[in-house]
Amino acid sequence: MRTGKGMTRLGVAAALAACVLVGGGAAQASTTAPTVGDGYANNTHAVWCIQESLNYFSRNAAGQYPQVPIVSEDGVWGPATKAAVIAFQKNIDGLTPDGYVGPHTGYDLMYYGDPYYMGTINSPGYCYQYVPTNR
């Protein structure tokens, strides 16, 4: 049987282990999730996560960046979603505005997206497994 002090140490150790397993950073996603865009076998969940993140960015960055158009969150990759990705890419330093969501764009979408769906440092969100990222 453990004492109160032993249980506290066990709880702290478990919490630290969980932090190490989840990793750091504002938003992390799968480094193995495939690129999303024209010519790719786009996963419906990945496209929805991208659309939701673009809309969140657009609603919450008003006035700071040129407008990223709001898109339907229907999970279907199409011209409107591609145009919104390009507009987002033009706003973020270091991104090439090519309309594809690969690891670099995916990371920034996760970073600027809704923490509820994209996740936080200790709690990966729903979109964790679907959006490609380099971290």
C-alpha atoms as a PDB file:
ATOM      1  CA  MET A   1       0.000   0.000   0.000  1.00  0.00           C
ATOM      2  CA  ARG A   2       1.325   3.448  -0.891  1.00  0.00           C
ATOM      3  CA  THR A   3       1.490   6.407   1.429  1.00  0.00           C
ATOM      4  CA  GLY A   4       0.138   9.817   0.529  1.00  0.00           C
ATOM      5  CA  LYS A   5       3.629  11.058  -0.371  1.00  0.00           C
ATOM      6  CA  GLY A   6       4.249   7.979  -2.548  1.00  0.00           C
ATOM      7  CA  MET A   7       0.946   8.499  -4.398  1.00  0.00           C
ATOM      8  CA  THR A   8       1.834  12.145  -5.001  1.00  0.00           C
ATOM      9  CA  ARG A   9       5.202  11.168  -6.487  1.00  0.00           C
ATOM     10  CA  LEU A  10       3.527   8.514  -8.617  1.00  0.00           C
ATOM     11  CA  GLY A  11       0.990  11.081  -9.887  1.00  0.00           C
ATOM     12  CA  VAL A  12       3.725  13.609 -10.726  1.00  0.00           C
ATOM     13  CA  ALA A  13       5.744  10.928 -12.544  1.00  0.00           C
ATOM     14  CA  ALA A  14       2.691   9.875 -14.545  1.00  0.00           C
ATOM     15  CA  ALA A  15       1.931  13.490 -15.479  1.00  0.00           C
ATOM     16  CA  LEU A  16       5.521  14.082 -16.624  1.00  0.00           C
ATOM     17  CA  ALA A  17       5.488  10.883 -18.667  1.00  0.00           C
ATOM     18  CA  ALA A  18       2.269  11.981 -20.356  1.00  0.00           C
ATOM     19  CA  CYS A  19       3.819  15.344 -21.258  1.00  0.00           C
ATOM     20  CA  VAL A  20       6.849  13.654 -22.803  1.00  0.00           C
ATOM     21  CA  LEU A  21       4.669  11.279 -24.833  1.00  0.00           C
ATOM     22  CA  VAL A  22       2.424  14.056 -26.150  1.00  0.00           C
ATOM     23  CA  GLY A  23       5.310  16.411 -26.937  1.00  0.00           C
ATOM     24  CA  GLY A  24       5.575  20.162 -26.932  1.00  0.00           C
ATOM     25  CA  GLY A  25       4.383  23.010 -29.079  1.00  0.00           C
ATOM     26  CA  ALA A  26       1.145  24.848 -29.555  1.00  0.00           C
ATOM     27  CA  ALA A  27      -0.129  22.377 -32.088  1.00  0.00           C
ATOM     28  CA  GLN A  28       1.239  19.084 -33.242  1.00  0.00           C
ATOM     29  CA  ALA A  29      -0.062  16.671 -35.800  1.00  0.00           C
ATOM     30  CA  SER A  30       0.922  13.555 -37.620  1.00  0.00           C
ATOM     31  CA  THR A  31       4.270  13.644 -39.360  1.00  0.00           C
ATOM     32  CA  THR A  32       2.968  10.783 -41.505  1.00  0.00           C
ATOM     33  CA  ALA A  33      -0.371  12.288 -42.612  1.00  0.00           C
ATOM     34  CA  PRO A  34      -0.376  12.710 -46.402  1.00  0.00           C
ATOM     35  CA  THR A  35      -0.375  15.992 -48.310  1.00  0.00           C
ATOM     36  CA  VAL A  36      -3.833  17.399 -49.098  1.00  0.00           C
ATOM     37  CA  GLY A  37      -4.625  19.131 -52.382  1.00  0.00           C
ATOM     38  CA  ASP A  38      -5.312  18.677 -56.070  1.00  0.00           C
ATOM     39  CA  GLY A  39      -4.260  15.256 -57.331  1.00  0.00           C
ATOM     40  CA  TYR A  40      -4.068  13.646 -53.892  1.00  0.00           C
ATOM     41  CA  ALA A  41      -6.403  11.056 -52.355  1.00  0.00           C
ATOM     42  CA  ASN A  42      -7.771  13.600 -49.894  1.00  0.00           C
ATOM     43  CA  ASN A  43      -9.132  12.238 -46.637  1.00  0.00           C
ATOM     44  CA  THR A  44     -12.531  13.764 -45.801  1.00  0.00           C
ATOM     45  CA  HIS A  45     -11.511  14.259 -42.168  1.00  0.00           C
ATOM     46  CA  ALA A  46      -8.272  15.999 -43.178  1.00  0.00           C
ATOM     47  CA  VAL A  47     -10.104  18.348 -45.540  1.00  0.00           C
ATOM     48  CA  TRP A  48     -12.701  19.172 -42.878  1.00  0.00           C
ATOM     49  CA  CYS A  49      -9.930  19.913 -40.361  1.00  0.00           C
ATOM     50  CA  ILE A  50      -8.233  22.213 -42.871  1.00  0.00           C
ATOM     51  CA  GLN A  51     -11.513  23.994 -43.639  1.00  0.00           C
ATOM     52  CA  GLU A  52     -12.297  24.425 -39.948  1.00  0.00           C
ATOM     53  CA  SER A  53      -8.804  25.763 -39.261  1.00  0.00           C
ATOM     54  CA  LEU A  54      -8.984  28.210 -42.171  1.00  0.00           C
ATOM     55  CA  ASN A  55     -12.347  29.507 -40.940  1.00  0.00           C
ATOM     56  CA  TYR A  56     -11.080  29.842 -37.372  1.00  0.00           C
ATOM     57  CA  PHE A  57      -8.056  31.777 -38.632  1.00  0.00           C
ATOM     58  CA  SER A  58     -10.273  34.027 -40.751  1.00  0.00           C
ATOM     59  CA  ARG A  59     -12.678  34.780 -37.893  1.00  0.00           C
ATOM     60  CA  ASN A  60      -9.952  35.407 -35.322  1.00  0.00           C
ATOM     61  CA  ALA A  61      -7.328  37.238 -37.367  1.00  0.00           C
ATOM     62  CA  ALA A  62      -9.655  39.917 -38.729  1.00  0.00           C
ATOM     63  CA  GLY A  63      -7.713  43.118 -39.250  1.00  0.00           C
ATOM     64  CA  GLN A  64      -4.299  41.518 -38.708  1.00  0.00           C
ATOM     65  CA  TYR A  65      -4.041  39.783 -42.074  1.00  0.00           C
ATOM     66  CA  PRO A  66      -5.680  40.178 -45.458  1.00  0.00           C
ATOM     67  CA  GLN A  67      -8.928  38.259 -45.448  1.00  0.00           C
ATOM     68  CA  VAL A  68      -8.900  34.492 -45.843  1.00  0.00           C
ATOM     69  CA  PRO A  69     -12.300  33.561 -47.309  1.00  0.00           C
ATOM     70  CA  ILE A  70     -14.719  31.501 -45.217  1.00  0.00           C
ATOM     71  CA  VAL A  71     -15.328  28.085 -46.793  1.00  0.00           C
ATOM     72  CA  SER A  72     -17.969  25.413 -46.320  1.00  0.00           C
ATOM     73  CA  GLU A  73     -16.878  22.823 -43.776  1.00  0.00           C
ATOM     74  CA  ASP A  74     -18.065  19.903 -45.887  1.00  0.00           C
ATOM     75  CA  GLY A  75     -14.890  17.804 -46.053  1.00  0.00           C
ATOM     76  CA  VAL A  76     -14.700  18.146 -49.846  1.00  0.00           C
ATOM     77  CA  TRP A  77     -11.533  19.503 -51.457  1.00  0.00           C
ATOM     78  CA  GLY A  78     -12.456  21.977 -54.167  1.00  0.00           C
ATOM     79  CA  PRO A  79     -11.581  25.361 -55.701  1.00  0.00           C
ATOM     80  CA  ALA A  80     -12.924  27.399 -52.753  1.00  0.00           C
ATOM     81  CA  THR A  81     -10.880  25.445 -50.210  1.00  0.00           C
ATOM     82  CA  LYS A  82      -7.786  25.646 -52.418  1.00  0.00           C
ATOM     83  CA  ALA A  83      -8.236  29.434 -52.787  1.00  0.00           C
ATOM     84  CA  ALA A  84      -8.570  29.804 -49.018  1.00  0.00           C
ATOM     85  CA  VAL A  85      -5.396  27.735 -48.492  1.00  0.00           C
ATOM     86  CA  ILE A  86      -3.528  29.992 -50.939  1.00  0.00           C
ATOM     87  CA  ALA A  87      -4.823  33.125 -49.152  1.00  0.00           C
ATOM     88  CA  PHE A  88      -3.704  31.644 -45.811  1.00  0.00           C
ATOM     89  CA  GLN A  89      -0.283  30.748 -47.226  1.00  0.00           C
ATOM     90  CA  LYS A  90       0.182  34.329 -48.474  1.00  0.00           C
ATOM     91  CA  ASN A  91      -0.328  35.573 -44.900  1.00  0.00           C
ATOM     92  CA  ILE A  92       2.236  33.348 -43.207  1.00  0.00           C
ATOM     93  CA  ASP A  93       5.954  34.023 -43.649  1.00  0.00           C
ATOM     94  CA  GLY A  94       7.864  31.119 -45.108  1.00  0.00           C
ATOM     95  CA  LEU A  95       4.934  29.404 -46.822  1.00  0.00           C
ATOM     96  CA  THR A  96       4.752  28.988 -50.588  1.00  0.00           C
ATOM     97  CA  PRO A  97       1.261  29.927 -51.859  1.00  0.00           C
ATOM     98  CA  ASP A  98       0.763  26.756 -53.885  1.00  0.00           C
ATOM     99  CA  GLY A  99      -2.626  25.561 -52.612  1.00  0.00           C
ATOM    100  CA  TYR A 100      -1.310  22.307 -51.137  1.00  0.00           C
ATOM    101  CA  VAL A 101      -1.369  21.407 -47.464  1.00  0.00           C
ATOM    102  CA  GLY A 102       1.899  19.657 -46.797  1.00  0.00           C
ATOM    103  CA  PRO A 103       3.933  19.569 -43.596  1.00  0.00           C
ATOM    104  CA  HIS A 104       4.764  23.288 -43.387  1.00  0.00           C
ATOM    105  CA  THR A 105       1.293  24.613 -44.190  1.00  0.00           C
ATOM    106  CA  GLY A 106      -0.256  21.886 -42.026  1.00  0.00           C
ATOM    107  CA  TYR A 107       1.853  22.939 -39.045  1.00  0.00           C
ATOM    108  CA  ASP A 108       0.766  26.565 -39.398  1.00  0.00           C
ATOM    109  CA  LEU A 109      -2.887  25.580 -39.829  1.00  0.00           C
ATOM    110  CA  MET A 110      -2.627  23.538 -36.634  1.00  0.00           C
ATOM    111  CA  TYR A 111      -0.873  26.422 -34.861  1.00  0.00           C
ATOM    112  CA  TYR A 112      -3.404  29.090 -35.884  1.00  0.00           C
ATOM    113  CA  GLY A 113      -6.457  26.809 -35.781  1.00  0.00           C
ATOM    114  CA  ASP A 114      -9.034  26.237 -33.073  1.00  0.00           C
ATOM    115  CA  PRO A 115      -7.294  24.579 -30.092  1.00  0.00           C
ATOM    116  CA  TYR A 116     -10.411  22.493 -29.480  1.00  0.00           C
ATOM    117  CA  TYR A 117      -9.968  20.621 -32.771  1.00  0.00           C
ATOM    118  CA  MET A 118      -6.269  21.157 -33.400  1.00  0.00           C
ATOM    119  CA  GLY A 119      -5.085  20.394 -29.884  1.00  0.00           C
ATOM    120  CA  THR A 120      -2.747  21.938 -27.363  1.00  0.00           C
ATOM    121  CA  ILE A 121       0.602  21.096 -25.849  1.00  0.00           C
ATOM    122  CA  ASN A 122      -0.855  18.395 -23.580  1.00  0.00           C
ATOM    123  CA  SER A 123      -3.962  17.363 -25.435  1.00  0.00           C
ATOM    124  CA  PRO A 124      -4.006  16.459 -29.128  1.00  0.00           C
ATOM    125  CA  GLY A 125      -7.314  17.366 -30.719  1.00  0.00           C
ATOM    126  CA  TYR A 126      -9.487  15.540 -33.215  1.00  0.00           C
ATOM    127  CA  CYS A 127      -7.433  16.783 -36.158  1.00  0.00           C
ATOM    128  CA  TYR A 128      -4.141  15.518 -34.738  1.00  0.00           C
ATOM    129  CA  GLN A 129      -4.031  12.420 -36.927  1.00  0.00           C
ATOM    130  CA  TYR A 130      -5.275  13.971 -40.152  1.00  0.00           C
ATOM    131  CA  VAL A 131      -3.308  17.164 -40.816  1.00  0.00           C
ATOM    132  CA  PRO A 132       0.272  16.752 -42.059  1.00  0.00           C
ATOM    133  CA  THR A 133       2.989  18.622 -40.216  1.00  0.00           C
ATOM    134  CA  ASN A 134       6.738  18.768 -39.921  1.00  0.00           C
ATOM    135  CA  ARG A 135       6.736  18.685 -36.090  1.00  0.00           C
END
